[in-house]
């Protein structure tokens, strides 16, 4: 099983950016923890981060056909990137949206997701652990579907 882990803009600054909101772990540490859990679940994890919308779309288009599912933290693109939403929808793979902070308890503009309605689910507010929870939920869903 192959899962794509996609992170959008500014997530490369985790560990330095607003640690009271996003915690002190770096994106590399979060990806490593998620990859370790994926390995335990006999699942391949392919991580990608970009600050550029087009690069994220290119990644989805290139890697999506070979993947079984997608975990995505679109960052600020959550709220307005119909292009990323369309790429995910076209890939036609199960998607879990993840956010480190509880986007529904923050500023009004952060509460709307253009990805949510095409996702299996959304995990937010559990810090870096949300990535592992997203992986477990997605792999569990895919394995049940195989039965």
N, C-alpha and C. Protein backbone atom coordinates (compact mmCIF):
# COMPACT_ATOMS: atom_id res chain seq x y z
N UNK A 1 0.84 -1.17 0.00
CA UNK A 1 0.00 0.00 0.00
C UNK A 1 0.89 1.24 0.00
N UNK A 2 0.50 2.23 -0.78
CA UNK A 2 1.28 3.47 -0.89
C UNK A 2 0.38 4.66 -0.58
N UNK A 3 0.83 5.48 0.37
CA UNK A 3 0.10 6.67 0.79
C UNK A 3 0.96 7.90 0.51
N UNK A 4 0.35 8.92 -0.08
CA UNK A 4 1.02 10.19 -0.29
C UNK A 4 0.75 11.09 0.92
N UNK A 5 1.79 11.75 1.40
CA UNK A 5 1.67 12.72 2.49
C UNK A 5 2.10 14.07 1.94
N UNK A 6 1.15 14.97 1.78
CA UNK A 6 1.40 16.26 1.13
C UNK A 6 1.22 17.38 2.14
N UNK A 7 2.19 18.28 2.17
CA UNK A 7 2.13 19.46 3.03
C UNK A 7 2.30 20.72 2.20
N UNK A 8 1.46 21.69 2.47
CA UNK A 8 1.45 22.93 1.71
C UNK A 8 2.33 24.02 2.29
N UNK A 9 2.04 25.26 1.94
CA UNK A 9 2.91 26.39 2.25
C UNK A 9 3.12 26.62 3.73
N UNK A 10 4.33 27.01 4.03
CA UNK A 10 4.80 27.39 5.36
C UNK A 10 4.96 26.23 6.34
N UNK A 11 4.55 25.04 5.95
CA UNK A 11 4.71 23.91 6.86
C UNK A 11 6.18 23.50 6.97
N UNK A 12 6.99 23.93 6.03
CA UNK A 12 8.44 23.72 6.14
C UNK A 12 9.05 24.55 7.26
N UNK A 13 8.30 25.47 7.83
CA UNK A 13 8.82 26.30 8.94
C UNK A 13 8.37 25.79 10.31
N UNK A 14 7.72 24.63 10.33
CA UNK A 14 7.30 24.07 11.63
C UNK A 14 8.51 23.92 12.54
N UNK A 15 8.28 24.11 13.82
CA UNK A 15 9.36 24.09 14.80
C UNK A 15 9.82 25.50 15.13
N UNK A 16 9.66 26.41 14.16
CA UNK A 16 9.99 27.83 14.36
C UNK A 16 8.75 28.71 14.32
N UNK A 17 7.77 28.31 13.55
CA UNK A 17 6.57 29.11 13.32
C UNK A 17 5.56 28.92 14.44
N UNK A 18 5.26 29.96 15.16
CA UNK A 18 4.21 29.94 16.18
C UNK A 18 4.16 28.63 16.96
N UNK A 19 5.21 28.30 17.71
CA UNK A 19 5.22 27.01 18.42
C UNK A 19 4.07 26.85 19.41
N UNK A 20 3.51 27.95 19.90
CA UNK A 20 2.37 27.84 20.81
C UNK A 20 1.12 27.33 20.08
N UNK A 21 1.07 27.48 18.77
CA UNK A 21 -0.04 26.98 17.97
C UNK A 21 0.31 25.65 17.31
N UNK A 22 1.52 25.58 16.72
CA UNK A 22 1.89 24.44 15.88
C UNK A 22 2.85 23.46 16.55
N UNK A 23 3.31 23.76 17.75
CA UNK A 23 4.22 22.87 18.44
C UNK A 23 5.67 23.11 18.06
N UNK A 24 6.55 22.31 18.63
CA UNK A 24 7.99 22.51 18.43
C UNK A 24 8.60 21.51 17.46
N UNK A 25 7.85 20.54 17.00
CA UNK A 25 8.39 19.55 16.06
C UNK A 25 8.53 20.15 14.67
N UNK A 26 9.59 19.76 14.00
CA UNK A 26 9.79 20.19 12.63
C UNK A 26 8.98 19.29 11.69
N UNK A 27 8.80 19.75 10.46
CA UNK A 27 8.10 18.91 9.48
C UNK A 27 8.86 17.62 9.26
N UNK A 28 10.18 17.69 9.22
CA UNK A 28 10.99 16.48 9.04
C UNK A 28 10.74 15.49 10.17
N UNK A 29 10.62 15.97 11.40
CA UNK A 29 10.34 15.08 12.54
C UNK A 29 8.94 14.47 12.44
N UNK A 30 7.97 15.27 11.99
CA UNK A 30 6.61 14.77 11.83
C UNK A 30 6.56 13.71 10.73
N UNK A 31 7.23 13.99 9.61
CA UNK A 31 7.27 13.02 8.52
C UNK A 31 7.95 11.73 8.96
N UNK A 32 9.01 11.85 9.75
CA UNK A 32 9.73 10.67 10.23
C UNK A 32 8.84 9.83 11.15
N UNK A 33 8.14 10.47 12.07
CA UNK A 33 7.24 9.75 12.98
C UNK A 33 6.12 9.06 12.20
N UNK A 34 5.60 9.74 11.20
CA UNK A 34 4.53 9.17 10.39
C UNK A 34 5.06 8.02 9.54
N UNK A 35 6.26 8.17 9.00
CA UNK A 35 6.88 7.10 8.20
C UNK A 35 7.17 5.87 9.06
N UNK A 36 7.59 6.08 10.30
CA UNK A 36 7.84 4.94 11.20
C UNK A 36 6.55 4.18 11.45
N UNK A 37 5.45 4.91 11.67
CA UNK A 37 4.16 4.24 11.89
C UNK A 37 3.73 3.53 10.61
N UNK A 38 3.95 4.16 9.46
CA UNK A 38 3.61 3.53 8.18
C UNK A 38 4.37 2.23 8.01
N UNK A 39 5.64 2.23 8.36
CA UNK A 39 6.46 1.02 8.25
C UNK A 39 5.90 -0.09 9.14
N UNK A 40 5.50 0.27 10.35
CA UNK A 40 4.89 -0.71 11.26
C UNK A 40 3.61 -1.30 10.65
N UNK A 41 2.93 -0.49 9.84
CA UNK A 41 1.68 -0.92 9.21
C UNK A 41 1.92 -1.51 7.82
N UNK A 42 3.19 -1.74 7.50
CA UNK A 42 3.59 -2.30 6.19
C UNK A 42 3.01 -1.46 5.04
N UNK A 43 3.21 -0.16 5.16
CA UNK A 43 2.70 0.81 4.20
C UNK A 43 3.83 1.73 3.78
N UNK A 44 3.90 2.02 2.50
CA UNK A 44 4.89 2.97 1.98
C UNK A 44 4.32 4.37 2.10
N UNK A 45 5.13 5.30 2.59
CA UNK A 45 4.71 6.69 2.72
C UNK A 45 5.62 7.54 1.86
N UNK A 46 5.04 8.33 0.98
CA UNK A 46 5.81 9.23 0.10
C UNK A 46 5.45 10.65 0.49
N UNK A 47 6.39 11.36 1.14
CA UNK A 47 6.15 12.71 1.65
C UNK A 47 6.61 13.76 0.65
N UNK A 48 5.86 14.86 0.61
CA UNK A 48 6.16 15.98 -0.28
C UNK A 48 5.67 17.26 0.38
N UNK A 49 6.46 18.32 0.26
CA UNK A 49 6.05 19.64 0.74
C UNK A 49 6.44 20.67 -0.29
N UNK A 50 5.55 21.64 -0.50
CA UNK A 50 5.88 22.77 -1.36
C UNK A 50 5.12 24.00 -0.92
N UNK A 51 5.74 25.13 -1.16
CA UNK A 51 5.09 26.42 -0.94
C UNK A 51 4.37 26.89 -2.20
N UNK A 52 4.40 26.07 -3.25
CA UNK A 52 3.87 26.47 -4.55
C UNK A 52 2.70 25.57 -4.95
N UNK A 53 1.59 26.20 -5.23
CA UNK A 53 0.36 25.49 -5.58
C UNK A 53 0.57 24.57 -6.78
N UNK A 54 1.20 25.07 -7.82
CA UNK A 54 1.41 24.27 -9.02
C UNK A 54 2.26 23.04 -8.77
N UNK A 55 3.26 23.15 -7.90
CA UNK A 55 4.10 21.99 -7.58
C UNK A 55 3.30 20.92 -6.86
N UNK A 56 2.38 21.33 -6.00
CA UNK A 56 1.53 20.36 -5.30
C UNK A 56 0.62 19.66 -6.30
N UNK A 57 0.06 20.41 -7.21
CA UNK A 57 -0.80 19.82 -8.24
C UNK A 57 0.00 18.86 -9.11
N UNK A 58 1.20 19.27 -9.53
CA UNK A 58 2.05 18.39 -10.34
C UNK A 58 2.35 17.10 -9.60
N UNK A 59 2.63 17.19 -8.30
CA UNK A 59 2.91 15.99 -7.50
C UNK A 59 1.69 15.07 -7.46
N UNK A 60 0.52 15.63 -7.22
CA UNK A 60 -0.70 14.82 -7.18
C UNK A 60 -0.92 14.13 -8.52
N UNK A 61 -0.74 14.87 -9.61
CA UNK A 61 -0.95 14.29 -10.93
C UNK A 61 0.08 13.21 -11.26
N UNK A 62 1.33 13.41 -10.83
CA UNK A 62 2.39 12.44 -11.13
C UNK A 62 2.31 11.20 -10.25
N UNK A 63 2.05 11.39 -8.97
CA UNK A 63 2.11 10.29 -8.00
C UNK A 63 0.75 9.67 -7.70
N UNK A 64 -0.32 10.41 -7.91
CA UNK A 64 -1.66 9.93 -7.57
C UNK A 64 -2.06 8.61 -8.20
N UNK A 65 -1.77 8.41 -9.49
CA UNK A 65 -2.19 7.15 -10.11
C UNK A 65 -1.61 5.90 -9.45
N UNK A 66 -0.40 6.00 -8.88
CA UNK A 66 0.23 4.84 -8.25
C UNK A 66 -0.08 4.74 -6.75
N UNK A 67 -0.76 5.72 -6.20
CA UNK A 67 -1.03 5.75 -4.76
C UNK A 67 -2.38 5.11 -4.44
N UNK A 68 -2.51 4.68 -3.21
CA UNK A 68 -3.79 4.14 -2.74
C UNK A 68 -4.61 5.20 -2.01
N UNK A 69 -3.94 6.23 -1.51
CA UNK A 69 -4.64 7.28 -0.79
C UNK A 69 -3.74 8.46 -0.53
N UNK A 70 -4.34 9.55 -0.04
CA UNK A 70 -3.63 10.81 0.18
C UNK A 70 -3.97 11.37 1.55
N UNK A 71 -2.93 11.79 2.25
CA UNK A 71 -3.08 12.60 3.46
C UNK A 71 -2.55 13.97 3.07
N UNK A 72 -3.33 15.01 3.32
CA UNK A 72 -2.90 16.35 2.93
C UNK A 72 -3.17 17.37 4.02
N UNK A 73 -2.16 18.18 4.29
CA UNK A 73 -2.31 19.40 5.06
C UNK A 73 -2.04 20.52 4.07
N UNK A 74 -3.09 21.08 3.49
CA UNK A 74 -2.89 22.07 2.44
C UNK A 74 -2.41 23.42 2.95
N UNK A 75 -2.27 23.58 4.28
CA UNK A 75 -1.88 24.88 4.81
C UNK A 75 -2.91 25.91 4.41
N UNK A 76 -2.46 27.11 4.05
CA UNK A 76 -3.39 28.17 3.66
C UNK A 76 -4.20 27.83 2.43
N UNK A 77 -3.71 26.91 1.59
CA UNK A 77 -4.48 26.50 0.42
C UNK A 77 -5.79 25.81 0.79
N UNK A 78 -5.90 25.37 2.03
CA UNK A 78 -7.13 24.76 2.54
C UNK A 78 -8.35 25.61 2.22
N UNK A 79 -8.17 26.91 2.34
CA UNK A 79 -9.29 27.83 2.35
C UNK A 79 -9.69 28.34 0.97
N UNK A 80 -8.83 28.11 -0.05
CA UNK A 80 -9.19 28.70 -1.34
C UNK A 80 -8.66 27.98 -2.58
N UNK A 81 -7.85 26.95 -2.45
CA UNK A 81 -7.27 26.35 -3.65
C UNK A 81 -8.21 25.33 -4.29
N UNK A 82 -9.03 25.83 -5.18
CA UNK A 82 -9.89 24.95 -5.95
C UNK A 82 -9.06 24.10 -6.90
N UNK A 83 -7.89 24.60 -7.28
CA UNK A 83 -7.02 23.85 -8.19
C UNK A 83 -6.49 22.59 -7.50
N UNK A 84 -6.07 22.69 -6.25
CA UNK A 84 -5.62 21.50 -5.51
C UNK A 84 -6.81 20.57 -5.27
N UNK A 85 -7.95 21.14 -4.93
CA UNK A 85 -9.15 20.33 -4.74
C UNK A 85 -9.47 19.54 -6.01
N UNK A 86 -9.42 20.22 -7.16
CA UNK A 86 -9.71 19.55 -8.43
C UNK A 86 -8.70 18.45 -8.73
N UNK A 87 -7.42 18.69 -8.43
CA UNK A 87 -6.39 17.67 -8.66
C UNK A 87 -6.65 16.45 -7.78
N UNK A 88 -7.02 16.67 -6.53
CA UNK A 88 -7.34 15.56 -5.63
C UNK A 88 -8.58 14.81 -6.11
N UNK A 89 -9.58 15.54 -6.53
CA UNK A 89 -10.80 14.90 -7.01
C UNK A 89 -10.53 14.09 -8.28
N UNK A 90 -9.71 14.63 -9.17
CA UNK A 90 -9.37 13.92 -10.40
C UNK A 90 -8.56 12.66 -10.12
N UNK A 91 -7.70 12.72 -9.11
CA UNK A 91 -6.91 11.54 -8.74
C UNK A 91 -7.80 10.40 -8.27
N UNK A 92 -8.96 10.73 -7.76
CA UNK A 92 -9.96 9.74 -7.36
C UNK A 92 -9.43 8.73 -6.35
N UNK A 93 -8.65 9.21 -5.40
CA UNK A 93 -8.13 8.39 -4.31
C UNK A 93 -8.72 8.91 -3.00
N UNK A 94 -8.89 8.04 -2.01
CA UNK A 94 -9.37 8.51 -0.72
C UNK A 94 -8.41 9.53 -0.11
N UNK A 95 -8.97 10.61 0.43
CA UNK A 95 -8.19 11.72 0.99
C UNK A 95 -8.56 11.93 2.44
N UNK A 96 -7.55 12.14 3.28
CA UNK A 96 -7.77 12.59 4.65
C UNK A 96 -7.05 13.93 4.79
N UNK A 97 -7.81 14.93 5.19
CA UNK A 97 -7.28 16.27 5.42
C UNK A 97 -6.82 16.37 6.88
N UNK A 98 -5.64 16.92 7.09
CA UNK A 98 -5.12 17.02 8.45
C UNK A 98 -4.62 18.44 8.71
N UNK A 99 -4.84 18.89 9.94
CA UNK A 99 -4.35 20.20 10.38
C UNK A 99 -3.81 20.06 11.80
N UNK A 100 -2.70 20.69 12.06
CA UNK A 100 -2.07 20.62 13.38
C UNK A 100 -2.93 21.32 14.42
N UNK A 101 -3.40 22.52 14.09
CA UNK A 101 -4.26 23.26 15.02
C UNK A 101 -5.72 22.97 14.71
N UNK A 102 -6.58 23.33 15.64
CA UNK A 102 -8.03 23.18 15.41
C UNK A 102 -8.49 24.37 14.59
N UNK A 103 -8.59 24.18 13.27
CA UNK A 103 -8.94 25.29 12.39
C UNK A 103 -10.34 25.82 12.68
N UNK A 104 -11.19 25.02 13.29
CA UNK A 104 -12.56 25.46 13.58
C UNK A 104 -12.64 26.31 14.84
N UNK A 105 -11.55 26.38 15.59
CA UNK A 105 -11.50 27.20 16.79
C UNK A 105 -10.61 28.43 16.62
N UNK A 106 -10.24 28.71 15.39
CA UNK A 106 -9.35 29.85 15.12
C UNK A 106 -10.10 30.95 14.37
N UNK A 107 -9.36 31.80 13.69
CA UNK A 107 -9.96 32.91 12.97
C UNK A 107 -11.01 32.40 11.99
N UNK A 108 -12.01 33.23 11.73
CA UNK A 108 -13.12 32.85 10.86
C UNK A 108 -12.63 32.38 9.49
N UNK A 109 -11.65 33.06 8.92
CA UNK A 109 -11.20 32.70 7.57
C UNK A 109 -10.56 31.33 7.52
N UNK A 110 -10.07 30.81 8.66
CA UNK A 110 -9.43 29.49 8.69
C UNK A 110 -10.43 28.35 8.81
N UNK A 111 -11.67 28.65 9.05
CA UNK A 111 -12.67 27.62 9.35
C UNK A 111 -13.26 26.97 8.10
N UNK A 112 -13.06 27.56 6.95
CA UNK A 112 -13.63 27.03 5.71
C UNK A 112 -12.56 26.22 4.97
N UNK A 113 -12.94 25.02 4.57
CA UNK A 113 -12.05 24.16 3.79
C UNK A 113 -12.73 23.81 2.48
N UNK A 114 -12.04 24.06 1.37
CA UNK A 114 -12.57 23.66 0.07
C UNK A 114 -12.23 22.21 -0.24
N UNK A 115 -11.44 21.58 0.63
CA UNK A 115 -11.05 20.17 0.47
C UNK A 115 -12.01 19.23 1.21
N UNK A 116 -12.58 19.71 2.30
CA UNK A 116 -13.32 18.85 3.22
C UNK A 116 -14.42 18.03 2.56
N UNK A 117 -15.13 18.61 1.60
CA UNK A 117 -16.26 17.88 1.03
C UNK A 117 -15.87 16.75 0.09
N UNK A 118 -14.60 16.67 -0.28
CA UNK A 118 -14.15 15.53 -1.10
C UNK A 118 -13.29 14.57 -0.28
N UNK A 119 -13.08 14.88 0.99
CA UNK A 119 -12.25 14.05 1.87
C UNK A 119 -13.10 13.02 2.61
N UNK A 120 -12.45 11.89 2.92
CA UNK A 120 -13.10 10.91 3.80
C UNK A 120 -13.38 11.54 5.16
N UNK A 121 -12.42 12.33 5.61
CA UNK A 121 -12.55 12.99 6.90
C UNK A 121 -11.47 14.02 7.08
N UNK A 122 -11.60 14.73 8.18
CA UNK A 122 -10.67 15.81 8.52
C UNK A 122 -10.25 15.63 9.98
N UNK A 123 -8.95 15.68 10.22
CA UNK A 123 -8.41 15.58 11.57
C UNK A 123 -7.71 16.89 11.87
N UNK A 124 -8.16 17.58 12.92
CA UNK A 124 -7.53 18.85 13.27
C UNK A 124 -7.50 19.01 14.78
N UNK A 125 -6.44 19.69 15.22
CA UNK A 125 -6.35 20.04 16.63
C UNK A 125 -5.54 19.10 17.50
N UNK A 126 -4.99 18.04 16.94
CA UNK A 126 -4.23 17.08 17.73
C UNK A 126 -2.73 17.23 17.55
N UNK A 127 -2.30 18.38 17.05
CA UNK A 127 -0.87 18.61 16.87
C UNK A 127 -0.29 17.65 15.85
N UNK A 128 0.99 17.35 16.01
CA UNK A 128 1.68 16.46 15.06
C UNK A 128 1.06 15.07 15.03
N UNK A 129 0.43 14.67 16.13
CA UNK A 129 -0.17 13.34 16.20
C UNK A 129 -1.31 13.16 15.19
N UNK A 130 -1.87 14.26 14.72
CA UNK A 130 -2.92 14.20 13.73
C UNK A 130 -2.48 13.50 12.46
N UNK A 131 -1.19 13.62 12.12
CA UNK A 131 -0.67 12.94 10.93
C UNK A 131 -0.71 11.42 11.11
N UNK A 132 -0.32 10.96 12.28
CA UNK A 132 -0.35 9.52 12.56
C UNK A 132 -1.79 9.03 12.62
N UNK A 133 -2.66 9.82 13.23
CA UNK A 133 -4.08 9.45 13.27
C UNK A 133 -4.66 9.38 11.86
N UNK A 134 -4.29 10.32 11.01
CA UNK A 134 -4.76 10.32 9.62
C UNK A 134 -4.28 9.07 8.89
N UNK A 135 -3.01 8.72 9.09
CA UNK A 135 -2.46 7.52 8.47
C UNK A 135 -3.22 6.28 8.94
N UNK A 136 -3.41 6.14 10.23
CA UNK A 136 -4.11 4.97 10.76
C UNK A 136 -5.54 4.89 10.24
N UNK A 137 -6.22 6.03 10.18
CA UNK A 137 -7.59 6.04 9.69
C UNK A 137 -7.64 5.68 8.21
N UNK A 138 -6.76 6.24 7.42
CA UNK A 138 -6.77 5.98 5.98
C UNK A 138 -6.40 4.54 5.66
N UNK A 139 -5.35 4.03 6.28
CA UNK A 139 -4.94 2.65 6.03
C UNK A 139 -6.03 1.69 6.51
N UNK A 140 -6.62 1.97 7.67
CA UNK A 140 -7.72 1.14 8.15
C UNK A 140 -8.89 1.13 7.18
N UNK A 141 -9.25 2.29 6.66
CA UNK A 141 -10.32 2.39 5.68
C UNK A 141 -10.00 1.56 4.44
N UNK A 142 -8.78 1.72 3.93
CA UNK A 142 -8.38 0.99 2.70
C UNK A 142 -8.35 -0.52 2.92
N UNK A 143 -7.89 -0.95 4.07
CA UNK A 143 -7.84 -2.39 4.34
C UNK A 143 -9.24 -2.97 4.49
N UNK A 144 -10.13 -2.26 5.12
CA UNK A 144 -11.51 -2.73 5.23
C UNK A 144 -12.16 -2.80 3.86
N UNK A 145 -11.86 -1.84 3.02
CA UNK A 145 -12.41 -1.81 1.66
C UNK A 145 -11.94 -3.00 0.82
N UNK A 146 -10.71 -3.47 1.10
CA UNK A 146 -10.15 -4.60 0.37
C UNK A 146 -10.88 -5.90 0.68
N UNK A 147 -11.46 -5.99 1.87
CA UNK A 147 -12.12 -7.24 2.29
C UNK A 147 -13.36 -7.54 1.51
